[in-house]
Protein backbone atom coordinates (compact mmCIF):
# COMPACT_ATOMS: atom_id res chain seq x y z
CA MET A 1 -17.02 47.56 -27.84
CA ALA A 2 -20.47 49.14 -27.99
CA ALA A 3 -22.17 45.80 -27.77
CA LEU A 4 -20.06 44.83 -24.72
CA LYS A 5 -20.85 48.13 -23.07
CA GLU A 6 -24.56 47.57 -23.84
CA ARG A 7 -24.59 44.07 -22.41
CA ALA A 8 -22.76 45.24 -19.23
CA PHE A 9 -25.19 48.09 -18.69
CA VAL A 10 -28.26 45.81 -19.16
CA ASP A 11 -26.66 43.22 -16.80
CA LEU A 12 -26.10 45.81 -14.20
CA LEU A 13 -29.66 47.04 -14.45
CA ARG A 14 -30.90 43.55 -13.99
CA THR A 15 -28.64 42.57 -11.12
CA GLU A 16 -28.10 45.86 -9.24
CA GLY A 17 -31.21 47.87 -10.12
CA VAL A 18 -31.15 51.61 -9.89
CA ASP A 19 -31.86 54.12 -7.16
CA ALA A 20 -34.14 57.03 -8.00
CA PHE A 21 -33.92 60.30 -6.22
CA ALA A 22 -35.62 59.86 -2.83
CA ASP A 23 -38.37 62.32 -3.68
CA VAL A 24 -39.48 60.68 -6.87
CA ARG A 25 -41.56 57.75 -5.53
CA PRO A 26 -43.46 59.80 -2.82
CA ALA A 27 -44.15 62.58 -5.35
CA LEU A 28 -45.47 60.21 -8.02
CA ALA A 29 -47.50 58.24 -5.47
CA ALA A 30 -49.08 61.57 -4.12
CA LEU A 31 -49.99 62.70 -7.65
CA LEU A 32 -51.40 59.30 -8.53
CA ALA A 33 -53.41 59.38 -5.25
CA ALA A 34 -54.74 62.78 -6.15
CA GLY A 35 -55.78 61.63 -9.62
CA VAL A 36 -53.03 63.43 -11.49
CA PRO A 37 -51.78 61.09 -14.22
CA CYS A 38 -48.01 61.19 -14.93
CA ALA A 39 -45.84 60.13 -17.78
CA ALA A 40 -42.11 60.04 -18.28
CA ALA A 41 -40.42 61.31 -21.47
CA SER A 42 -36.76 60.59 -22.14
CA ALA A 43 -34.60 60.35 -25.21
CA SER A 44 -32.81 57.46 -23.61
CA ARG A 45 -33.54 54.19 -25.16
CA HIS A 46 -33.09 52.58 -21.77
CA ALA A 47 -35.67 54.82 -20.06
CA ARG A 48 -38.31 52.03 -19.66
CA GLN A 49 -35.60 49.62 -18.25
CA LEU A 50 -34.42 52.30 -15.84
CA ILE A 51 -37.88 53.16 -14.66
CA GLY A 52 -38.76 49.51 -14.19
CA ALA A 53 -35.41 48.84 -12.39
CA ALA A 54 -36.26 51.69 -10.00
CA GLY A 55 -39.69 50.26 -9.35
CA LEU A 56 -41.48 53.38 -10.63
CA ASP A 57 -43.30 51.92 -13.63
CA GLY A 58 -46.45 51.29 -11.67
CA LEU A 59 -46.75 54.97 -10.80
CA LEU A 60 -46.68 56.14 -14.40
CA ALA A 61 -49.62 56.13 -16.93
CA GLY A 62 -47.14 56.13 -19.80
CA VAL A 63 -43.53 56.26 -20.88
CA VAL A 64 -42.00 57.73 -24.05
CA ASP A 65 -38.46 56.73 -24.53
CA GLY A 66 -35.71 56.69 -27.18
CA GLU A 67 -37.10 53.47 -28.66
CA ASP A 68 -40.42 55.26 -29.22
CA ALA A 69 -38.65 58.29 -30.65
CA ALA A 70 -36.76 56.11 -33.20
CA ARG A 71 -39.87 54.11 -34.09
CA LEU A 72 -42.14 57.23 -34.44
CA GLY A 73 -39.54 59.52 -35.93
CA LEU A 74 -39.74 61.97 -32.92
CA ALA A 75 -37.00 64.60 -32.65
CA GLY A 76 -35.05 64.89 -29.43
CA LYS A 77 -34.90 67.88 -27.07
CA PRO A 78 -35.03 70.81 -27.49
CA ASP A 79 -37.80 69.77 -29.87
CA PRO A 80 -41.00 69.28 -27.86
CA ALA A 81 -41.93 66.01 -29.68
CA LEU A 82 -41.19 63.63 -26.77
CA PHE A 83 -43.27 65.79 -24.35
CA LEU A 84 -46.14 66.19 -26.80
CA ARG A 85 -46.25 62.41 -27.29
CA ALA A 86 -46.33 61.93 -23.48
CA ALA A 87 -49.17 64.47 -23.11
CA ALA A 88 -51.06 62.60 -25.84
CA LEU A 89 -50.57 59.26 -24.01
CA LEU A 90 -52.15 60.90 -21.05
CA GLY A 91 -55.04 62.21 -23.10
CA SER A 92 -54.06 65.79 -22.21
CA ARG A 93 -53.60 68.95 -24.18
CA PRO A 94 -50.14 70.56 -23.73
CA GLN A 95 -51.62 73.75 -22.33
CA ASP A 96 -53.35 71.64 -19.66
CA THR A 97 -50.13 69.71 -18.85
CA ALA A 98 -47.18 70.34 -16.68
CA VAL A 99 -43.60 69.35 -17.42
CA ALA A 100 -40.91 68.96 -14.75
CA GLU A 101 -37.44 68.85 -16.24
CA ASP A 102 -33.87 69.30 -14.90
CA ALA A 103 -32.13 69.87 -18.27
CA LEU A 104 -31.98 73.23 -20.04
CA ALA A 105 -32.85 71.61 -23.37
CA GLY A 106 -35.86 69.90 -21.73
CA VAL A 107 -37.14 73.16 -20.24
CA ALA A 108 -36.75 74.82 -23.63
CA ALA A 109 -38.51 71.93 -25.30
CA ALA A 110 -41.50 72.18 -22.96
CA ARG A 111 -41.72 75.97 -23.42
CA ARG A 112 -41.61 75.47 -27.21
CA GLY A 113 -44.42 72.83 -26.91
CA GLY A 114 -46.76 75.31 -25.27
CA PHE A 115 -47.07 73.41 -21.99
CA GLY A 116 -49.19 75.06 -19.32
CA LEU A 117 -46.58 74.85 -16.57
CA VAL A 118 -42.86 74.35 -17.16
CA VAL A 119 -41.04 73.44 -13.98
CA GLY A 120 -37.25 73.42 -13.67
CA VAL A 121 -35.83 71.06 -11.15
CA ASP A 122 -32.55 72.33 -9.77
CA ARG A 123 -30.92 69.62 -7.74
CA THR A 124 -27.52 71.44 -7.64
CA PRO A 125 -26.25 71.95 -4.05
CA LEU A 126 -26.21 75.75 -4.31
CA ARG A 127 -29.16 76.13 -6.69
CA GLN A 128 -26.79 77.30 -9.45
CA ALA A 129 -29.14 76.05 -12.17
CA ALA A 130 -32.13 78.15 -11.06
CA ALA A 131 -31.32 81.24 -13.18
CA PRO A 132 -30.42 79.25 -16.38
CA LEU A 133 -33.60 77.13 -16.01
CA ARG A 134 -35.64 80.31 -15.78
CA GLU A 135 -33.83 81.75 -18.79
CA HIS A 136 -34.66 78.68 -20.86
CA GLY A 137 -38.36 79.01 -19.99
CA ALA A 138 -39.13 77.54 -16.55
CA ASP A 139 -42.20 79.20 -14.93
CA LEU A 140 -41.17 77.73 -11.54
CA VAL A 141 -37.97 76.26 -10.22
CA VAL A 142 -38.03 73.76 -7.38
CA PRO A 143 -35.24 71.80 -5.72
CA ASP A 144 -37.12 68.50 -5.97
CA LEU A 145 -40.43 66.91 -6.93
CA ALA A 146 -41.78 66.86 -3.40
CA THR A 147 -41.58 70.58 -3.31
CA LEU A 148 -43.36 70.75 -6.81
CA VAL A 149 -46.17 68.62 -5.37
CA ARG A 150 -46.57 70.76 -2.28
CA ARG A 151 -46.35 74.10 -4.17
CA VAL A 152 -48.65 73.29 -7.07
CA TRP A 153 -50.96 70.36 -6.38
CA GLY A 154 -50.91 70.77 -2.62
CA GLU A 155 -52.41 74.24 -3.11
CA ARG A 156 -55.24 72.75 -5.27
CA GLY A 157 -56.60 70.74 -2.37
C-alpha cells in the first residue's frame, strides 16, 4: 500500500505539478535580486520534488530535505539540524541567518539553533497562530513572505 501511495504521489507531482503560495515566487525573486541567498529546509523526503514541481528550484541556493537528513543522520524539528545544514550550504553562520517557518516545531528549532532572526509565518485567516508562533520563539510574525521581504529587507535598502 505504501509503495502504491508513493507511486501515485510521484505521478501526480509529475503530471499535475504543485502550486506554491502566491507570495513565494515574488519574495524569493526579490531576495535573489537583492543578493540575499535562500535555501529551503524540510524534513519531507519529497521536498526537492515539490520545489521543482512548483518551479522554485532556480530561486534557491540550496535545499536540505528528508533524503539529506537520512543520509547525514540529521534529526528532525524541533532539533535545529536541518536549518543549520541549510545555513552551512549558504556559507552563513546561524546568527547571521534568518529562518521563516510556519510550524511551531520549526520556529522552536530555529530559536534553538541560534538564528539571528526567527520569523513565524501565520497564514491562518484570523492570524490565530501569531501568539503560539511568538511563544515558540518567533521574533517577528508575518502573514506571508512578501510582508517579510518588505518589512525586513525592504528597510535595508
